[in-house]
């Protein structure tokens, strides 16, 4: 893909702000969704702060050579629930989140050192294009259901799903239009323009709904803003509720050996699964930016940065961070790979987390509007994956079977639960692909050996 801005390109301050804001809008919904799902006192503002800090750490360790944002990881949601369910109190649960993230980070760091010593050739053999390509496609396809659901979702009870669909589709086609036909800056910020258009249409419907006493036309939920008491300073500026502070020293003292074992079984297996997703994301991003990120800056650096970022993000917001497909899709569509934009997004996350009205306003963006944007984001991820194995010979049965197993396992939504450990769809698809490839490779080698021996005998 021909990039407009390369990884190391410098940008003017106004462009940095716009591109950073676009990245923020692309990753925001998923980043603040994780603490909302887990609950137990975790906040959206702290999650934003943690994601910003985690991304900054990742960029530092990768020498600003990998243009991807790290947001709250959905893969660890089950692990986070385990941290609370196995704890005697919420304070202990908060420390469970932090301890679990440290354990996961150790897995990343350990693997990064193996890669540093032995290189990445073994990974290429273990996960060739016939595996990575369809797995990357599955990353986008597995998210497609949530995008379509959001497309017709009203953020307020009684809202008309058809109105939501109109706003979502307007967002989608405005984004597509500016990405394809936009001039100058418009071509580089299609997501901002798409979201603003969808939000404006939703606002017009809301005004008409209130004026005609027709609540079904109202699909924007302003409760995050209306519940703010602007007579108090905290409604303008507040320090996020950091996980490490909510745990306190009393919570740390309550951690037992049995509880640590629970945390270990909840986090460490998932860390190995997320490692596989880390590989797939960086392979996908490599194909987009035209640089093999597993070699430059190197998988050892990306894993190490991800690991330290996980600890920092969890200490702040309770959520381990991970590379975001939405961010990669944003790079693919805008063709802007400058890591300055990612640095800017990380900084905006940190700044916004302290300003209560800004966080509240971001929460009012209708789900249908984000659904319209996500159709393009997730679609580009899927297509990027398909492009990665377009040169693979699918007339060869072994390749056909490997790709088929991955795609059907992924699109079918396969999830495996082993005790409290949940292996999610993308990881299941990747693992099944690796097993199938190893099985067929051994059969192929055996057949080739027998043919060689028969030829020698003749």
Protein backbone atom coordinates (compact mmCIF):
# COMPACT_ATOMS: atom_id res chain seq x y z
CA UNK A 1 0.00 0.00 0.00
CA UNK A 2 1.33 3.42 -0.96
CA UNK A 3 1.43 5.52 2.21
CA UNK A 4 0.78 9.25 2.34
CA UNK A 5 2.78 9.56 5.55
CA UNK A 6 5.47 7.04 6.48
CA UNK A 7 6.31 5.77 9.94
CA UNK A 8 8.97 8.39 10.65
CA UNK A 9 7.40 11.33 8.80
CA UNK A 10 7.02 14.54 10.78
CA UNK A 11 3.70 16.40 10.69
CA UNK A 12 2.55 19.92 11.50
CA UNK A 13 0.93 20.42 14.91
CA UNK A 14 -2.58 20.89 13.52
CA UNK A 15 -2.36 17.65 11.54
CA UNK A 16 -1.00 15.78 14.54
CA UNK A 17 -4.02 16.90 16.58
CA UNK A 18 -6.52 15.90 13.88
CA UNK A 19 -4.93 12.51 13.20
CA UNK A 20 -4.57 11.83 16.93
CA UNK A 21 -8.23 12.71 17.50
CA UNK A 22 -9.21 10.38 14.66
CA UNK A 23 -7.26 7.52 16.23
CA UNK A 24 -8.91 8.31 19.57
CA UNK A 25 -12.39 8.16 18.05
CA UNK A 26 -11.51 4.85 16.35
CA UNK A 27 -10.34 3.13 19.55
CA UNK A 28 -12.41 4.95 22.15
CA UNK A 29 -15.58 2.81 22.15
CA UNK A 30 -13.76 -0.49 22.68
CA UNK A 31 -11.29 0.97 25.20
CA UNK A 32 -13.98 2.25 27.57
CA UNK A 33 -16.25 -0.76 26.94
CA UNK A 34 -14.02 -3.17 28.88
CA UNK A 35 -14.25 -1.38 32.26
CA UNK A 36 -18.01 -0.95 31.65
CA UNK A 37 -18.39 -4.72 31.11
CA UNK A 38 -16.25 -5.73 34.10
CA UNK A 39 -17.70 -3.10 36.45
CA UNK A 40 -16.60 -3.34 40.10
CA UNK A 41 -15.68 0.34 40.23
CA UNK A 42 -13.45 0.45 37.14
CA UNK A 43 -13.85 3.73 35.27
CA UNK A 44 -13.72 4.83 31.63
CA UNK A 45 -11.44 7.77 32.43
CA UNK A 46 -8.88 5.55 34.16
CA UNK A 47 -9.01 3.09 31.25
CA UNK A 48 -8.30 5.95 28.81
CA UNK A 49 -5.39 7.11 30.95
CA UNK A 50 -4.01 3.56 31.16
CA UNK A 51 -4.32 3.01 27.41
CA UNK A 52 -2.51 6.29 26.74
CA UNK A 53 0.35 5.45 29.10
CA UNK A 54 0.56 1.85 27.87
CA UNK A 55 0.77 3.03 24.25
CA UNK A 56 3.46 5.60 25.10
CA UNK A 57 5.54 2.89 26.77
CA UNK A 58 5.10 0.61 23.75
CA UNK A 59 6.19 3.38 21.38
CA UNK A 60 9.21 4.11 23.57
CA UNK A 61 10.44 0.50 23.55
CA UNK A 62 9.80 0.13 19.82
CA UNK A 63 11.68 3.37 19.07
CA UNK A 64 8.53 4.89 17.54
CA UNK A 65 8.73 2.38 14.69
CA UNK A 66 5.38 0.60 15.04
CA UNK A 67 2.27 2.75 14.38
CA UNK A 68 -0.37 1.01 16.47
CA UNK A 69 -2.39 2.01 19.53
CA UNK A 70 -2.75 -0.27 22.57
CA UNK A 71 -6.22 -0.26 24.13
CA UNK A 72 -8.13 -2.28 26.72
CA UNK A 73 -7.93 -5.99 25.92
CA UNK A 74 -11.17 -7.97 25.55
CA UNK A 75 -9.20 -11.22 25.78
CA UNK A 76 -8.55 -10.65 29.49
CA UNK A 77 -12.18 -9.89 30.46
CA UNK A 78 -12.66 -13.43 31.80
CA UNK A 79 -9.39 -13.13 33.72
CA UNK A 80 -10.52 -9.83 35.23
CA UNK A 81 -13.80 -11.37 36.37
CA UNK A 82 -11.79 -14.18 37.99
CA UNK A 83 -9.69 -11.64 39.88
CA UNK A 84 -12.83 -10.25 41.51
CA UNK A 85 -14.73 -13.50 41.98
CA UNK A 86 -11.76 -15.14 43.68
CA UNK A 87 -11.09 -12.16 45.99
CA UNK A 88 -12.44 -11.72 49.52
CA UNK A 89 -12.96 -7.99 48.89
CA UNK A 90 -12.92 -5.43 46.10
CA UNK A 91 -9.60 -4.03 47.36
CA UNK A 92 -7.99 -7.45 46.99
CA UNK A 93 -9.60 -7.80 43.55
CA UNK A 94 -7.95 -4.58 42.38
CA UNK A 95 -4.57 -5.99 43.39
CA UNK A 96 -5.50 -9.22 41.64
CA UNK A 97 -5.84 -7.25 38.40
CA UNK A 98 -2.37 -5.76 38.85
CA UNK A 99 -0.71 -9.02 39.90
CA UNK A 100 -2.35 -10.82 36.98
CA UNK A 101 -1.05 -8.22 34.54
CA UNK A 102 2.47 -8.64 35.92
CA UNK A 103 2.21 -12.40 35.36
CA UNK A 104 1.00 -11.83 31.79
CA UNK A 105 3.78 -9.31 31.19
CA UNK A 106 6.38 -11.84 32.35
CA UNK A 107 5.10 -14.22 29.64
CA UNK A 108 5.54 -11.49 26.99
CA UNK A 109 8.99 -10.53 28.26
CA UNK A 110 10.10 -14.17 28.45
CA UNK A 111 9.05 -14.84 24.86
CA UNK A 112 10.64 -11.55 23.74
CA UNK A 113 13.98 -12.72 25.10
CA UNK A 114 13.64 -16.08 23.32
CA UNK A 115 13.01 -14.17 20.10
CA UNK A 116 16.00 -11.95 20.80
CA UNK A 117 18.25 -15.00 21.13
CA UNK A 118 16.85 -17.29 18.43
CA UNK A 119 15.26 -14.79 16.01
CA UNK A 120 11.84 -14.95 14.36
CA UNK A 121 12.48 -17.63 11.72
CA UNK A 122 10.84 -20.28 13.90
CA UNK A 123 7.70 -18.15 14.10
CA UNK A 124 7.57 -17.87 10.30
CA UNK A 125 7.81 -21.68 10.08
CA UNK A 126 5.18 -22.15 12.77
CA UNK A 127 2.82 -19.53 11.30
CA UNK A 128 3.36 -19.18 7.52
CA UNK A 129 1.14 -16.91 5.33
CA UNK A 130 -1.46 -19.67 4.91
CA UNK A 131 -2.06 -19.42 8.67
CA UNK A 132 -1.50 -15.73 9.39
CA UNK A 133 -3.54 -14.50 6.40
CA UNK A 134 -6.87 -16.14 7.27
CA UNK A 135 -6.26 -15.50 10.98
CA UNK A 136 -5.96 -11.77 10.35
CA UNK A 137 -9.13 -11.99 8.25
CA UNK A 138 -10.85 -13.69 11.19
CA UNK A 139 -9.86 -10.78 13.48
CA UNK A 140 -12.02 -8.48 11.37
CA UNK A 141 -14.76 -11.03 10.65
CA UNK A 142 -15.12 -12.00 14.32
CA UNK A 143 -15.84 -8.34 15.13
CA UNK A 144 -18.32 -7.90 12.28
CA UNK A 145 -21.28 -9.03 14.39
CA UNK A 146 -20.74 -6.26 16.92
CA UNK A 147 -20.47 -3.66 14.14
CA UNK A 148 -23.77 -4.72 12.59
CA UNK A 149 -25.48 -4.90 15.98
CA UNK A 150 -24.28 -1.40 16.81
CA UNK A 151 -25.50 -0.13 13.43
CA UNK A 152 -29.14 -0.49 14.51
CA UNK A 153 -28.65 0.19 18.22
CA UNK A 154 -30.19 3.22 19.94
CA UNK A 155 -28.41 4.43 23.05
CA UNK A 156 -31.66 5.26 24.77
CA UNK A 157 -34.61 3.03 25.65
CA UNK A 158 -37.44 3.37 23.14
CA UNK A 159 -35.22 4.77 20.39
CA UNK A 160 -36.15 3.76 16.85
CA UNK A 161 -33.73 1.22 15.35
CA UNK A 162 -34.49 2.52 11.83
CA UNK A 163 -33.40 6.02 12.87
CA UNK A 164 -30.23 4.47 14.27
CA UNK A 165 -29.68 2.65 10.98
CA UNK A 166 -30.01 5.91 9.02
CA UNK A 167 -27.43 7.65 11.23
CA UNK A 168 -25.08 4.67 11.02
CA UNK A 169 -25.31 4.43 7.23
CA UNK A 170 -24.73 8.16 6.82
CA UNK A 171 -21.62 7.79 8.99
CA UNK A 172 -20.48 4.85 6.84
CA UNK A 173 -20.92 6.52 3.46
CA UNK A 174 -19.53 9.90 4.53
CA UNK A 175 -16.44 8.04 5.76
CA UNK A 176 -16.17 6.13 2.47
CA UNK A 177 -16.74 9.27 0.40
CA UNK A 178 -13.99 11.31 2.08
CA UNK A 179 -11.60 8.37 2.10
CA UNK A 180 -12.05 7.95 -1.66
CA UNK A 181 -12.89 11.43 -3.00
CA UNK A 182 -11.82 13.78 -0.22
CA UNK A 183 -9.43 16.62 -0.97
CA UNK A 184 -6.33 17.47 1.05
CA UNK A 185 -7.02 17.12 4.79
CA UNK A 186 -10.51 15.68 4.23
CA UNK A 187 -8.99 12.54 2.71
CA UNK A 188 -6.87 12.02 5.82
CA UNK A 189 -9.60 12.41 8.46
CA UNK A 190 -12.56 10.46 7.02
CA UNK A 191 -13.46 8.98 10.41
CA UNK A 192 -13.78 12.35 12.13
CA UNK A 193 -15.95 13.67 9.29
CA UNK A 194 -18.04 10.50 9.24
CA UNK A 195 -18.62 10.52 13.00
CA UNK A 196 -19.46 14.23 13.03
CA UNK A 197 -21.96 13.72 10.18
CA UNK A 198 -23.65 10.78 11.88
CA UNK A 199 -23.75 12.59 15.22
CA UNK A 200 -25.22 15.72 13.59
CA UNK A 201 -28.00 13.71 11.93
CA UNK A 202 -28.75 11.96 15.24
CA UNK A 203 -28.89 15.38 16.92
CA UNK A 204 -31.35 16.67 14.29
CA UNK A 205 -33.58 13.64 14.87
CA UNK A 206 -33.37 14.27 18.63
CA UNK A 207 -34.40 17.92 18.23
CA UNK A 208 -37.35 16.89 16.03
CA UNK A 209 -38.29 14.17 18.50
CA UNK A 210 -38.35 16.57 21.46
CA UNK A 211 -40.24 19.23 19.45
CA UNK A 212 -42.94 16.79 18.27
CA UNK A 213 -43.08 14.78 21.49
CA UNK A 214 -41.89 11.68 19.64
CA UNK A 215 -39.24 10.03 21.87
CA UNK A 216 -38.61 7.24 19.36
CA UNK A 217 -36.61 9.71 17.25
CA UNK A 218 -34.19 10.31 20.12
CA UNK A 219 -31.26 7.87 19.97
CA UNK A 220 -28.58 9.89 21.81
CA UNK A 221 -28.19 9.23 25.52
CA UNK A 222 -27.01 12.40 27.26
CA UNK A 223 -27.10 10.98 30.79
CA UNK A 224 -23.30 11.06 31.03
CA UNK A 225 -23.49 14.84 30.61
CA UNK A 226 -26.74 15.63 32.41
CA UNK A 227 -25.69 13.86 35.60
CA UNK A 228 -22.73 16.24 35.96
CA UNK A 229 -23.16 18.94 38.59
CA UNK A 230 -21.44 21.92 37.02
CA UNK A 231 -21.53 23.83 40.31
CA UNK A 232 -18.77 21.50 41.50
CA UNK A 233 -15.16 21.57 40.36
CA UNK A 234 -15.13 17.77 40.02
CA UNK A 235 -17.61 18.07 37.12
CA UNK A 236 -14.92 19.91 35.14
CA UNK A 237 -11.73 18.31 36.35
CA UNK A 238 -11.11 15.12 38.32
CA UNK A 239 -8.31 12.61 38.82
CA UNK A 240 -9.29 9.17 37.46
CA UNK A 241 -9.84 6.35 39.97
CA UNK A 242 -6.58 4.48 39.50
CA UNK A 243 -6.65 0.77 40.26
CA UNK A 244 -3.49 0.84 42.38
CA UNK A 245 -5.01 3.54 44.60
CA UNK A 246 -8.34 1.72 45.01
CA UNK A 247 -6.53 -1.43 46.13
CA UNK A 248 -4.49 0.31 48.83
CA UNK A 249 -2.09 -1.40 51.20
CA UNK A 250 -4.90 -3.20 53.00
CA UNK A 251 -5.94 -4.91 49.81
CA UNK A 252 -2.37 -6.04 49.13
CA UNK A 253 -2.09 -7.54 52.61
CA UNK A 254 -5.18 -9.67 51.94
CA UNK A 255 -3.64 -11.49 48.97
CA UNK A 256 -3.15 -15.19 49.78
CA UNK A 257 -1.25 -18.04 48.13
CA UNK A 258 -4.47 -19.69 46.99
CA UNK A 259 -5.66 -16.44 45.44
CA UNK A 260 -2.33 -16.03 43.60
CA UNK A 261 -2.81 -19.49 42.10
CA UNK A 262 -6.28 -18.46 40.93
CA UNK A 263 -4.82 -15.35 39.30
CA UNK A 264 -2.03 -17.40 37.68
CA UNK A 265 -4.46 -19.85 36.06
CA UNK A 266 -6.67 -16.96 34.92
CA UNK A 267 -4.00 -14.75 33.33
CA UNK A 268 -1.00 -16.78 32.16
CA UNK A 269 -2.79 -19.08 29.65
CA UNK A 270 -4.56 -16.05 28.18
CA UNK A 271 -1.21 -14.27 27.83
CA UNK A 272 0.01 -17.02 25.49
CA UNK A 273 -3.18 -16.65 23.47
CA UNK A 274 -2.78 -12.85 23.22
CA UNK A 275 0.83 -13.41 22.12
CA UNK A 276 -0.55 -15.19 19.05
CA UNK A 277 -2.87 -12.25 18.36
CA UNK A 278 0.12 -9.91 18.81
CA UNK A 279 1.92 -11.79 16.01
CA UNK A 280 -1.12 -11.66 13.72
CA UNK A 281 -1.66 -7.93 14.29
CA UNK A 282 1.97 -7.06 13.60
CA UNK A 283 2.07 -9.25 10.50
CA UNK A 284 -1.05 -7.45 9.26
CA UNK A 285 0.37 -4.02 10.08
CA UNK A 286 3.63 -4.99 8.35
CA UNK A 287 1.78 -5.72 5.12
CA UNK A 288 0.06 -2.32 5.34
CA UNK A 289 3.12 -0.16 6.04
CA UNK A 290 5.51 -2.15 3.86
CA UNK A 291 7.98 -2.83 6.69
CA UNK A 292 8.51 -6.17 8.43
CA UNK A 293 7.86 -5.05 12.01
CA UNK A 294 8.90 -8.46 13.33
CA UNK A 295 12.42 -7.54 12.16
CA UNK A 296 12.35 -3.74 12.51
CA UNK A 297 11.91 -2.73 15.32
CA UNK A 298 11.77 -6.47 15.99
CA UNK A 299 9.35 -8.80 17.75
CA UNK A 300 11.53 -8.76 20.86
CA UNK A 301 10.94 -5.00 21.20
CA UNK A 302 7.21 -5.06 20.36
CA UNK A 303 6.58 -7.85 22.87
CA UNK A 304 8.70 -6.22 25.56
CA UNK A 305 6.97 -2.87 25.06
CA UNK A 306 3.55 -4.56 25.08
CA UNK A 307 4.43 -6.37 28.30
CA UNK A 308 5.54 -3.27 30.21
CA UNK A 309 2.57 -1.39 28.76
CA UNK A 310 0.22 -4.05 30.14
CA UNK A 311 1.49 -3.45 33.68
CA UNK A 312 1.22 0.33 33.41
CA UNK A 313 -2.27 0.30 31.88
CA UNK A 314 -3.56 -2.10 34.52
CA UNK A 315 -2.13 -0.13 37.43
CA UNK A 316 -4.05 2.87 36.11
CA UNK A 317 -7.32 1.52 34.72
CA UNK A 318 -7.37 -2.15 35.66
CA UNK A 319 -7.40 -3.28 32.02
CA UNK A 320 -4.41 -4.96 30.34
CA UNK A 321 -3.74 -3.32 26.97
CA UNK A 322 -3.21 -4.93 23.60
CA UNK A 323 -2.71 -3.91 19.97
CA UNK A 324 -5.96 -2.66 18.46
CA UNK A 325 -7.40 -3.75 15.13
CA UNK A 326 -9.33 -0.47 14.98
CA UNK A 327 -6.04 1.43 15.04
CA UNK A 328 -4.56 -0.78 12.32
CA UNK A 329 -7.68 -0.29 10.21
CA UNK A 330 -7.36 3.46 10.68
CA UNK A 331 -3.78 3.34 9.35
CA UNK A 332 -4.88 1.21 6.39
CA UNK A 333 -7.75 3.46 5.32
CA UNK A 334 -6.07 6.84 5.84
CA UNK A 335 -2.64 5.61 4.66
CA UNK A 336 -1.10 7.58 7.49
CA UNK A 337 1.47 5.44 9.31
CA UNK A 338 3.23 8.26 11.16
CA UNK A 339 3.83 7.24 14.77
CA UNK A 340 3.59 10.92 15.71
CA UNK A 341 -0.18 10.46 15.32
CA UNK A 342 -0.10 7.53 17.76
CA UNK A 343 1.96 9.56 20.24
CA UNK A 344 -0.62 12.32 19.90
CA UNK A 345 -3.48 9.90 20.52
CA UNK A 346 -1.76 8.57 23.64
CA UNK A 347 -1.31 12.13 24.92
CA UNK A 348 -4.95 13.02 24.20
CA UNK A 349 -6.11 9.93 26.12
CA UNK A 350 -4.11 11.02 29.15
CA UNK A 351 -5.31 14.65 28.94
CA UNK A 352 -8.96 13.77 28.25
CA UNK A 353 -9.05 11.36 31.20
CA UNK A 354 -8.74 14.33 33.60
CA UNK A 355 -11.48 16.42 31.95
CA UNK A 356 -14.81 15.03 33.03
CA UNK A 357 -17.02 16.74 30.38
CA UNK A 358 -14.82 15.47 27.53
CA UNK A 359 -15.04 11.87 28.71
CA UNK A 360 -18.78 12.29 29.23
CA UNK A 361 -19.24 13.75 25.74
CA UNK A 362 -17.34 10.88 24.12
CA UNK A 363 -19.71 8.50 25.90
CA UNK A 364 -22.69 10.19 24.21
CA UNK A 365 -21.58 9.23 20.68
CA UNK A 366 -24.36 6.86 19.54
CA UNK A 367 -23.49 3.19 19.06
CA UNK A 368 -24.98 3.28 15.57
CA UNK A 369 -22.50 5.99 14.55
CA UNK A 370 -19.57 3.92 15.80
CA UNK A 371 -21.10 0.89 14.07
CA UNK A 372 -20.97 2.72 10.74
CA UNK A 373 -17.29 3.51 11.26
CA UNK A 374 -16.46 -0.01 12.43
CA UNK A 375 -17.85 -1.61 9.26
CA UNK A 376 -14.99 0.02 7.37
CA UNK A 377 -12.40 -0.59 10.08
CA UNK A 378 -13.17 -4.28 10.54
CA UNK A 379 -13.64 -4.75 6.81
CA UNK A 380 -10.19 -3.41 6.05
CA UNK A 381 -8.67 -5.75 8.64
CA UNK A 382 -10.37 -8.74 6.99
CA UNK A 383 -9.33 -7.71 3.48
CA UNK A 384 -5.75 -7.11 4.66
CA UNK A 385 -5.67 -10.69 5.91
CA UNK A 386 -7.02 -12.06 2.64
CA UNK A 387 -4.35 -10.12 0.73
CA UNK A 388 -1.64 -11.69 2.89
CA UNK A 389 -2.26 -15.18 1.53
CA UNK A 390 -3.32 -14.32 -2.02
CA UNK A 391 -0.08 -15.86 -3.32
CA UNK A 392 -0.67 -19.10 -1.43
CA UNK A 393 -1.48 -22.00 -3.76
CA UNK A 394 -4.99 -22.99 -2.71
CA UNK A 395 -5.05 -25.74 -5.35
CA UNK A 396 -2.85 -27.65 -2.92
CA UNK A 397 -5.13 -29.56 -0.55
CA UNK A 398 -2.96 -28.99 2.51
CA UNK A 399 -3.19 -25.19 2.13
CA UNK A 400 -6.90 -25.38 1.35
CA UNK A 401 -7.62 -27.37 4.50
CA UNK A 402 -5.56 -25.07 6.74
CA UNK A 403 -7.27 -21.92 5.45
CA UNK A 404 -10.69 -23.58 5.62
CA UNK A 405 -10.28 -24.68 9.22
CA UNK A 406 -9.16 -21.21 10.32
CA UNK A 407 -11.93 -19.33 8.49
CA UNK A 408 -14.79 -21.59 9.59
CA UNK A 409 -13.53 -21.82 13.16
CA UNK A 410 -13.21 -18.05 13.31
CA UNK A 411 -16.40 -17.05 11.50
CA UNK A 412 -18.30 -19.69 13.48
CA UNK A 413 -17.20 -17.99 16.69
CA UNK A 414 -15.48 -20.94 18.36
CA UNK A 415 -14.70 -20.29 22.04
CA UNK A 416 -13.19 -22.84 24.43
CA UNK A 417 -13.54 -22.59 28.20
CA UNK A 418 -11.18 -24.58 30.41
CA UNK A 419 -12.13 -23.84 33.99
CA UNK A 420 -11.91 -20.10 34.37
CA UNK A 421 -9.70 -19.74 31.31
CA UNK A 422 -11.44 -18.68 28.10
CA UNK A 423 -9.72 -19.10 24.75
CA UNK A 424 -11.43 -16.62 22.46
CA UNK A 425 -12.33 -16.91 18.78
CA UNK A 426 -9.18 -15.53 17.12
CA UNK A 427 -6.89 -17.60 19.32
CA UNK A 428 -8.97 -20.74 18.70
CA UNK A 429 -8.80 -20.18 14.94
CA UNK A 430 -5.03 -19.64 15.05
CA UNK A 431 -4.39 -22.68 17.25
CA UNK A 432 -6.58 -24.90 15.05
CA UNK A 433 -4.74 -23.63 11.97
CA UNK A 434 -1.33 -24.38 13.48
CA UNK A 435 -2.38 -27.90 14.51
CA UNK A 436 -3.89 -28.61 11.08
CA UNK A 437 -0.78 -27.32 9.31
CA UNK A 438 1.57 -29.40 11.47
CA UNK A 439 -0.59 -32.50 10.91
CA UNK A 440 -0.69 -32.04 7.14
CA UNK A 441 3.00 -31.11 6.90
CA UNK A 442 4.00 -34.36 8.59
CA UNK A 443 1.74 -36.33 6.28
CA UNK A 444 3.20 -34.47 3.30
CA UNK A 445 6.79 -35.12 4.42
CA UNK A 446 6.00 -38.81 4.93
CA UNK A 447 4.45 -39.08 1.45
CA UNK A 448 7.39 -37.30 -0.16
CA UNK A 449 9.82 -39.62 1.66
CA UNK A 450 7.94 -42.74 0.49
CA UNK A 451 7.88 -41.45 -3.10
CA UNK A 452 11.62 -40.81 -2.97
CA UNK A 453 12.29 -44.32 -1.65
CA UNK A 454 10.08 -45.90 -4.32
CA UNK A 455 11.90 -43.95 -7.04
CA UNK A 456 15.27 -45.15 -5.69
CA UNK A 457 14.14 -48.77 -5.70
CA UNK A 458 13.02 -48.50 -9.33
